[in-house]
Amino acid sequence: MSRPITYVGYTKDIKKRLELHNSSKGAKFTRGRNWKIIYKKSYKNKSIAMKNEYLLKMNRSLRNKIKNDYLNKNENFNFITL
């Protein structure tokens, strides 16, 4: 089995964003996959959220830690999203 793919993104409406991704209407990268939310965090404003989104995208070790924590708890899944 290949390693799960992760996606990091900002949204005001996480439920709607997940529905878009899972219906192949989201970003081109997300099409054709079954996404699950494994980590989410709220911020006071968009500026702080976007800065933290960038840091998470660039910090592969933190991203892998979140992914591996999920993998260790859930053996039966296909793809994941952040």
PDB file of N, CA and C in Angstrom:
ATOM      1  N   MET A   1       0.841  -1.173   0.000  1.00  0.00           N
ATOM      2  CA  MET A   1       0.000   0.000   0.000  1.00  0.00           C
ATOM      3  C   MET A   1       0.887   1.238   0.000  1.00  0.00           C
ATOM      4  N   SER A   2       0.573   2.211  -0.819  1.00  0.00           N
ATOM      5  CA  SER A   2       1.343   3.436  -0.867  1.00  0.00           C
ATOM      6  C   SER A   2       1.037   4.311   0.343  1.00  0.00           C
ATOM      7  N   ARG A   3       1.955   5.213   0.616  1.00  0.00           N
ATOM      8  CA  ARG A   3       1.771   6.133   1.736  1.00  0.00           C
ATOM      9  C   ARG A   3       0.575   7.039   1.472  1.00  0.00           C
ATOM     10  N   PRO A   4      -0.210   7.325   2.493  1.00  0.00           N
ATOM     11  CA  PRO A   4      -1.346   8.232   2.329  1.00  0.00           C
ATOM     12  C   PRO A   4      -0.886   9.623   1.898  1.00  0.00           C
ATOM     13  N   ILE A   5      -1.727  10.291   1.176  1.00  0.00           N
ATOM     14  CA  ILE A   5      -1.467  11.640   0.708  1.00  0.00           C
ATOM     15  C   ILE A   5      -2.140  12.613   1.660  1.00  0.00           C
ATOM     16  N   THR A   6      -1.453  13.700   1.973  1.00  0.00           N
ATOM     17  CA  THR A   6      -2.048  14.711   2.839  1.00  0.00           C
ATOM     18  C   THR A   6      -2.275  15.994   2.061  1.00  0.00           C
ATOM     19  N   TYR A   7      -3.212  16.760   2.548  1.00  0.00           N
ATOM     20  CA  TYR A   7      -3.563  18.050   1.965  1.00  0.00           C
ATOM     21  C   TYR A   7      -3.740  19.035   3.107  1.00  0.00           C
ATOM     22  N   VAL A   8      -3.176  20.203   2.978  1.00  0.00           N
ATOM     23  CA  VAL A   8      -3.311  21.248   3.985  1.00  0.00           C
ATOM     24  C   VAL A   8      -4.006  22.425   3.329  1.00  0.00           C
ATOM     25  N   GLY A   9      -5.014  22.974   3.983  1.00  0.00           N
ATOM     26  CA  GLY A   9      -5.706  24.100   3.393  1.00  0.00           C
ATOM     27  C   GLY A   9      -6.454  24.930   4.424  1.00  0.00           C
ATOM     28  N   TYR A  10      -6.752  26.154   4.028  1.00  0.00           N
ATOM     29  CA  TYR A  10      -7.497  27.102   4.847  1.00  0.00           C
ATOM     30  C   TYR A  10      -8.934  27.170   4.344  1.00  0.00           C
ATOM     31  N   THR A  11      -9.886  27.252   5.265  1.00  0.00           N
ATOM     32  CA  THR A  11     -11.285  27.436   4.887  1.00  0.00           C
ATOM     33  C   THR A  11     -12.064  28.026   6.053  1.00  0.00           C
ATOM     34  N   LYS A  12     -13.130  28.714   5.742  1.00  0.00           N
ATOM     35  CA  LYS A  12     -14.048  29.193   6.780  1.00  0.00           C
ATOM     36  C   LYS A  12     -15.117  28.147   7.064  1.00  0.00           C
ATOM     37  N   ASP A  13     -15.367  27.250   6.102  1.00  0.00           N
ATOM     38  CA  ASP A  13     -16.423  26.238   6.229  1.00  0.00           C
ATOM     39  C   ASP A  13     -15.837  24.868   5.912  1.00  0.00           C
ATOM     40  N   ILE A  14     -15.354  24.174   6.938  1.00  0.00           N
ATOM     41  CA  ILE A  14     -14.641  22.904   6.730  1.00  0.00           C
ATOM     42  C   ILE A  14     -15.553  21.808   6.159  1.00  0.00           C
ATOM     43  N   LYS A  15     -16.819  21.802   6.576  1.00  0.00           N
ATOM     44  CA  LYS A  15     -17.751  20.791   6.071  1.00  0.00           C
ATOM     45  C   LYS A  15     -17.955  20.964   4.553  1.00  0.00           C
ATOM     46  N   LYS A  16     -18.183  22.197   4.132  1.00  0.00           N
ATOM     47  CA  LYS A  16     -18.373  22.472   2.709  1.00  0.00           C
ATOM     48  C   LYS A  16     -17.103  22.150   1.914  1.00  0.00           C
ATOM     49  N   ARG A  17     -15.941  22.503   2.470  1.00  0.00           N
ATOM     50  CA  ARG A  17     -14.671  22.240   1.790  1.00  0.00           C
ATOM     51  C   ARG A  17     -14.465  20.749   1.583  1.00  0.00           C
ATOM     52  N   LEU A  18     -14.755  19.952   2.603  1.00  0.00           N
ATOM     53  CA  LEU A  18     -14.604  18.499   2.501  1.00  0.00           C
ATOM     54  C   LEU A  18     -15.566  17.930   1.464  1.00  0.00           C
ATOM     55  N   GLU A  19     -16.798  18.416   1.449  1.00  0.00           N
ATOM     56  CA  GLU A  19     -17.776  17.970   0.449  1.00  0.00           C
ATOM     57  C   GLU A  19     -17.300  18.287  -0.965  1.00  0.00           C
ATOM     58  N   LEU A  20     -16.723  19.473  -1.163  1.00  0.00           N
ATOM     59  CA  LEU A  20     -16.196  19.844  -2.487  1.00  0.00           C
ATOM     60  C   LEU A  20     -15.072  18.904  -2.908  1.00  0.00           C
ATOM     61  N   HIS A  21     -14.149  18.656  -2.004  1.00  0.00           N
ATOM     62  CA  HIS A  21     -13.026  17.775  -2.336  1.00  0.00           C
ATOM     63  C   HIS A  21     -13.507  16.358  -2.659  1.00  0.00           C
ATOM     64  N   ASN A  22     -14.437  15.853  -1.883  1.00  0.00           N
ATOM     65  CA  ASN A  22     -14.904  14.485  -2.082  1.00  0.00           C
ATOM     66  C   ASN A  22     -15.859  14.333  -3.254  1.00  0.00           C
ATOM     67  N   SER A  23     -16.361  15.450  -3.784  1.00  0.00           N
ATOM     68  CA  SER A  23     -17.226  15.386  -4.966  1.00  0.00           C
ATOM     69  C   SER A  23     -16.459  15.796  -6.227  1.00  0.00           C
ATOM     70  N   SER A  24     -15.124  15.850  -6.113  1.00  0.00           N
ATOM     71  CA  SER A  24     -14.239  16.213  -7.232  1.00  0.00           C
ATOM     72  C   SER A  24     -14.494  17.616  -7.762  1.00  0.00           C
ATOM     73  N   LYS A  25     -14.975  18.509  -6.905  1.00  0.00           N
ATOM     74  CA  LYS A  25     -15.201  19.897  -7.322  1.00  0.00           C
ATOM     75  C   LYS A  25     -14.230  20.845  -6.631  1.00  0.00           C
ATOM     76  N   GLY A  26     -13.332  20.314  -5.830  1.00  0.00           N
ATOM     77  CA  GLY A  26     -12.354  21.153  -5.138  1.00  0.00           C
ATOM     78  C   GLY A  26     -11.135  21.372  -6.010  1.00  0.00           C
ATOM     79  N   ALA A  27     -10.025  21.624  -5.372  1.00  0.00           N
ATOM     80  CA  ALA A  27      -8.771  21.849  -6.075  1.00  0.00           C
ATOM     81  C   ALA A  27      -8.425  20.637  -6.939  1.00  0.00           C
ATOM     82  N   LYS A  28      -7.747  20.874  -8.045  1.00  0.00           N
ATOM     83  CA  LYS A  28      -7.403  19.794  -8.977  1.00  0.00           C
ATOM     84  C   LYS A  28      -6.648  18.664  -8.266  1.00  0.00           C
ATOM     85  N   PHE A  29      -5.759  19.004  -7.362  1.00  0.00           N
ATOM     86  CA  PHE A  29      -4.972  18.013  -6.626  1.00  0.00           C
ATOM     87  C   PHE A  29      -5.848  17.058  -5.830  1.00  0.00           C
ATOM     88  N   THR A  30      -6.985  17.539  -5.356  1.00  0.00           N
ATOM     89  CA  THR A  30      -7.818  16.734  -4.460  1.00  0.00           C
ATOM     90  C   THR A  30      -8.805  15.828  -5.185  1.00  0.00           C
ATOM     91  N   ARG A  31      -8.964  15.996  -6.457  1.00  0.00           N
ATOM     92  CA  ARG A  31      -9.977  15.240  -7.205  1.00  0.00           C
ATOM     93  C   ARG A  31      -9.676  13.744  -7.246  1.00  0.00           C
ATOM     94  N   GLY A  32     -10.745  12.953  -7.170  1.00  0.00           N
ATOM     95  CA  GLY A  32     -10.617  11.504  -7.318  1.00  0.00           C
ATOM     96  C   GLY A  32     -10.134  10.774  -6.081  1.00  0.00           C
ATOM     97  N   ARG A  33     -10.141  11.437  -4.943  1.00  0.00           N
ATOM     98  CA  ARG A  33      -9.705  10.803  -3.704  1.00  0.00           C
ATOM     99  C   ARG A  33     -10.812  10.919  -2.664  1.00  0.00           C
ATOM    100  N   ASN A  34     -10.770  10.040  -1.682  1.00  0.00           N
ATOM    101  CA  ASN A  34     -11.717  10.090  -0.567  1.00  0.00           C
ATOM    102  C   ASN A  34     -10.987  10.696   0.626  1.00  0.00           C
ATOM    103  N   TRP A  35     -11.281  11.943   0.935  1.00  0.00           N
ATOM    104  CA  TRP A  35     -10.573  12.679   1.976  1.00  0.00           C
ATOM    105  C   TRP A  35     -11.264  12.559   3.318  1.00  0.00           C
ATOM    106  N   LYS A  36     -10.464  12.551   4.383  1.00  0.00           N
ATOM    107  CA  LYS A  36     -10.945  12.544   5.755  1.00  0.00           C
ATOM    108  C   LYS A  36     -10.171  13.608   6.509  1.00  0.00           C
ATOM    109  N   ILE A  37     -10.824  14.254   7.439  1.00  0.00           N
ATOM    110  CA  ILE A  37     -10.152  15.252   8.264  1.00  0.00           C
ATOM    111  C   ILE A  37      -9.528  14.540   9.461  1.00  0.00           C
ATOM    112  N   ILE A  38      -8.217  14.729   9.625  1.00  0.00           N
ATOM    113  CA  ILE A  38      -7.547  14.110  10.769  1.00  0.00           C
ATOM    114  C   ILE A  38      -7.010  15.154  11.737  1.00  0.00           C
ATOM    115  N   TYR A  39      -7.007  16.409  11.318  1.00  0.00           N
ATOM    116  CA  TYR A  39      -6.502  17.479  12.181  1.00  0.00           C
ATOM    117  C   TYR A  39      -7.111  18.790  11.732  1.00  0.00           C
ATOM    118  N   LYS A  40      -7.562  19.569  12.675  1.00  0.00           N
ATOM    119  CA  LYS A  40      -8.055  20.905  12.354  1.00  0.00           C
ATOM    120  C   LYS A  40      -7.775  21.811  13.531  1.00  0.00           C
ATOM    121  N   LYS A  41      -7.653  23.085  13.240  1.00  0.00           N
ATOM    122  CA  LYS A  41      -7.371  24.061  14.274  1.00  0.00           C
ATOM    123  C   LYS A  41      -8.008  25.376  13.875  1.00  0.00           C
ATOM    124  N   SER A  42      -8.587  26.069  14.833  1.00  0.00           N
ATOM    125  CA  SER A  42      -9.215  27.365  14.584  1.00  0.00           C
ATOM    126  C   SER A  42      -8.267  28.490  14.998  1.00  0.00           C
ATOM    127  N   TYR A  43      -8.380  29.599  14.294  1.00  0.00           N
ATOM    128  CA  TYR A  43      -7.545  30.770  14.570  1.00  0.00           C
ATOM    129  C   TYR A  43      -8.423  32.001  14.701  1.00  0.00           C
ATOM    130  N   LYS A  44      -7.886  33.037  15.351  1.00  0.00           N
ATOM    131  CA  LYS A  44      -8.640  34.273  15.567  1.00  0.00           C
ATOM    132  C   LYS A  44      -8.908  35.028  14.275  1.00  0.00           C
ATOM    133  N   ASN A  45      -7.965  34.951  13.324  1.00  0.00           N
ATOM    134  CA  ASN A  45      -8.165  35.664  12.072  1.00  0.00           C
ATOM    135  C   ASN A  45      -7.466  34.949  10.922  1.00  0.00           C
ATOM    136  N   LYS A  46      -7.805  35.352   9.708  1.00  0.00           N
ATOM    137  CA  LYS A  46      -7.294  34.698   8.508  1.00  0.00           C
ATOM    138  C   LYS A  46      -5.779  34.836   8.390  1.00  0.00           C
ATOM    139  N   SER A  47      -5.243  35.975   8.769  1.00  0.00           N
ATOM    140  CA  SER A  47      -3.805  36.197   8.655  1.00  0.00           C
ATOM    141  C   SER A  47      -3.009  35.169   9.461  1.00  0.00           C
ATOM    142  N   ILE A  48      -3.411  34.948  10.694  1.00  0.00           N
ATOM    143  CA  ILE A  48      -2.736  33.966  11.545  1.00  0.00           C
ATOM    144  C   ILE A  48      -2.935  32.563  10.976  1.00  0.00           C
ATOM    145  N   ALA A  49      -4.134  32.269  10.508  1.00  0.00           N
ATOM    146  CA  ALA A  49      -4.428  30.955   9.932  1.00  0.00           C
ATOM    147  C   ALA A  49      -3.545  30.681   8.717  1.00  0.00           C
ATOM    148  N   MET A  50      -3.403  31.676   7.849  1.00  0.00           N
ATOM    149  CA  MET A  50      -2.606  31.494   6.634  1.00  0.00           C
ATOM    150  C   MET A  50      -1.118  31.312   6.965  1.00  0.00           C
ATOM    151  N   LYS A  51      -0.622  32.023   7.953  1.00  0.00           N
ATOM    152  CA  LYS A  51       0.779  31.862   8.376  1.00  0.00           C
ATOM    153  C   LYS A  51       1.008  30.449   8.898  1.00  0.00           C
ATOM    154  N   ASN A  52       0.074  29.958   9.701  1.00  0.00           N
ATOM    155  CA  ASN A  52       0.210  28.603  10.243  1.00  0.00           C
ATOM    156  C   ASN A  52       0.009  27.533   9.184  1.00  0.00           C
ATOM    157  N   GLU A  53      -0.851  27.794   8.212  1.00  0.00           N
ATOM    158  CA  GLU A  53      -1.014  26.864   7.094  1.00  0.00           C
ATOM    159  C   GLU A  53       0.320  26.715   6.363  1.00  0.00           C
ATOM    160  N   TYR A  54       0.962  27.833   6.088  1.00  0.00           N
ATOM    161  CA  TYR A  54       2.255  27.815   5.395  1.00  0.00           C
ATOM    162  C   TYR A  54       3.295  27.037   6.202  1.00  0.00           C
ATOM    163  N   LEU A  55       3.359  27.291   7.516  1.00  0.00           N
ATOM    164  CA  LEU A  55       4.327  26.593   8.352  1.00  0.00           C
ATOM    165  C   LEU A  55       4.085  25.088   8.359  1.00  0.00           C
ATOM    166  N   LEU A  56       2.826  24.686   8.414  1.00  0.00           N
ATOM    167  CA  LEU A  56       2.511  23.258   8.396  1.00  0.00           C
ATOM    168  C   LEU A  56       2.871  22.636   7.053  1.00  0.00           C
ATOM    169  N   LYS A  57       2.629  23.368   5.969  1.00  0.00           N
ATOM    170  CA  LYS A  57       2.986  22.855   4.646  1.00  0.00           C
ATOM    171  C   LYS A  57       4.497  22.681   4.513  1.00  0.00           C
ATOM    172  N   MET A  58       5.263  23.577   5.102  1.00  0.00           N
ATOM    173  CA  MET A  58       6.714  23.540   4.982  1.00  0.00           C
ATOM    174  C   MET A  58       7.378  22.623   6.001  1.00  0.00           C
ATOM    175  N   ASN A  59       6.707  22.326   7.098  1.00  0.00           N
ATOM    176  CA  ASN A  59       7.281  21.510   8.158  1.00  0.00           C
ATOM    177  C   ASN A  59       6.874  20.048   7.965  1.00  0.00           C
ATOM    178  N   ARG A  60       7.615  19.352   7.130  1.00  0.00           N
ATOM    179  CA  ARG A  60       7.288  17.970   6.798  1.00  0.00           C
ATOM    180  C   ARG A  60       7.302  17.060   8.028  1.00  0.00           C
ATOM    181  N   SER A  61       8.202  17.315   8.977  1.00  0.00           N
ATOM    182  CA  SER A  61       8.264  16.436  10.146  1.00  0.00           C
ATOM    183  C   SER A  61       7.003  16.556  11.000  1.00  0.00           C
ATOM    184  N   LEU A  62       6.487  17.761  11.163  1.00  0.00           N
ATOM    185  CA  LEU A  62       5.239  17.930  11.912  1.00  0.00           C
ATOM    186  C   LEU A  62       4.077  17.290  11.168  1.00  0.00           C
ATOM    187  N   ARG A  63       4.028  17.486   9.874  1.00  0.00           N
ATOM    188  CA  ARG A  63       2.972  16.890   9.045  1.00  0.00           C
ATOM    189  C   ARG A  63       3.016  15.367   9.141  1.00  0.00           C
ATOM    190  N   ASN A  64       4.215  14.808   9.070  1.00  0.00           N
ATOM    191  CA  ASN A  64       4.363  13.355   9.167  1.00  0.00           C
ATOM    192  C   ASN A  64       3.986  12.844  10.555  1.00  0.00           C
ATOM    193  N   LYS A  65       4.272  13.627  11.597  1.00  0.00           N
ATOM    194  CA  LYS A  65       3.887  13.220  12.949  1.00  0.00           C
ATOM    195  C   LYS A  65       2.370  13.123  13.057  1.00  0.00           C
ATOM    196  N   ILE A  66       1.664  14.129  12.556  1.00  0.00           N
ATOM    197  CA  ILE A  66       0.201  14.109  12.589  1.00  0.00           C
ATOM    198  C   ILE A  66      -0.319  12.908  11.800  1.00  0.00           C
ATOM    199  N   LYS A  67       0.247  12.692  10.617  1.00  0.00           N
ATOM    200  CA  LYS A  67      -0.171  11.574   9.766  1.00  0.00           C
ATOM    201  C   LYS A  67       0.101  10.240  10.458  1.00  0.00           C
ATOM    202  N   ASN A  68       1.293  10.071  11.013  1.00  0.00           N
ATOM    203  CA  ASN A  68       1.643   8.806  11.661  1.00  0.00           C
ATOM    204  C   ASN A  68       0.827   8.548  12.914  1.00  0.00           C
ATOM    205  N   ASP A  69       0.514   9.605  13.676  1.00  0.00           N
ATOM    206  CA  ASP A  69      -0.357   9.431  14.841  1.00  0.00           C
ATOM    207  C   ASP A  69      -1.711   8.881  14.399  1.00  0.00           C
ATOM    208  N   TYR A  70      -2.231   9.403  13.296  1.00  0.00           N
ATOM    209  CA  TYR A  70      -3.509   8.923  12.776  1.00  0.00           C
ATOM    210  C   TYR A  70      -3.380   7.488  12.271  1.00  0.00           C
ATOM    211  N   LEU A  71      -2.308   7.204  11.545  1.00  0.00           N
ATOM    212  CA  LEU A  71      -2.089   5.852  11.011  1.00  0.00           C
ATOM    213  C   LEU A  71      -2.043   4.813  12.130  1.00  0.00           C
ATOM    214  N   ASN A  72      -1.378   5.160  13.206  1.00  0.00           N
ATOM    215  CA  ASN A  72      -1.241   4.219  14.310  1.00  0.00           C
ATOM    216  C   ASN A  72      -2.570   3.920  14.992  1.00  0.00           C
ATOM    217  N   LYS A  73      -3.511   4.845  14.915  1.00  0.00           N
ATOM    218  CA  LYS A  73      -4.819   4.671  15.541  1.00  0.00           C
ATOM    219  C   LYS A  73      -5.859   4.086  14.591  1.00  0.00           C
ATOM    220  N   ASN A  74      -5.642   4.235  13.278  1.00  0.00           N
ATOM    221  CA  ASN A  74      -6.642   3.833  12.284  1.00  0.00           C
ATOM    222  C   ASN A  74      -5.971   3.085  11.146  1.00  0.00           C
ATOM    223  N   GLU A  75      -6.070   1.785  11.172  1.00  0.00           N
ATOM    224  CA  GLU A  75      -5.403   0.972  10.158  1.00  0.00           C
ATOM    225  C   GLU A  75      -6.174   0.930   8.841  1.00  0.00           C
ATOM    226  N   ASN A  76      -7.486   1.093   8.866  1.00  0.00           N
ATOM    227  CA  ASN A  76      -8.303   0.955   7.665  1.00  0.00           C
ATOM    228  C   ASN A  76      -8.739   2.308   7.117  1.00  0.00           C
ATOM    229  N   PHE A  77      -7.928   2.900   6.250  1.00  0.00           N
ATOM    230  CA  PHE A  77      -8.305   4.144   5.599  1.00  0.00           C
ATOM    231  C   PHE A  77      -7.504   4.254   4.309  1.00  0.00           C
ATOM    232  N   ASN A  78      -7.953   5.138   3.438  1.00  0.00           N
ATOM    233  CA  ASN A  78      -7.273   5.327   2.167  1.00  0.00           C
ATOM    234  C   ASN A  78      -6.455   6.610   2.137  1.00  0.00           C
ATOM    235  N   PHE A  79      -7.130   7.730   2.153  1.00  0.00           N
ATOM    236  CA  PHE A  79      -6.441   9.002   2.060  1.00  0.00           C
ATOM    237  C   PHE A  79      -6.904   9.920   3.164  1.00  0.00           C
ATOM    238  N   ILE A  80      -6.070  10.885   3.477  1.00  0.00           N
ATOM    239  CA  ILE A  80      -6.364  11.776   4.582  1.00  0.00           C
ATOM    240  C   ILE A  80      -6.148  13.230   4.183  1.00  0.00           C
ATOM    241  N   THR A  81      -6.726  14.108   4.940  1.00  0.00           N
ATOM    242  CA  THR A  81      -6.541  15.530   4.714  1.00  0.00           C
ATOM    243  C   THR A  81      -6.283  16.240   6.027  1.00  0.00           C
ATOM    244  N   LEU A  82      -5.664  17.361   5.942  1.00  0.00           N
ATOM    245  CA  LEU A  82      -5.392  18.171   7.118  1.00  0.00           C
ATOM    246  C   LEU A  82      -6.154  19.454   7.031  1.00  0.00           C
TER     247      LEU A  82
END
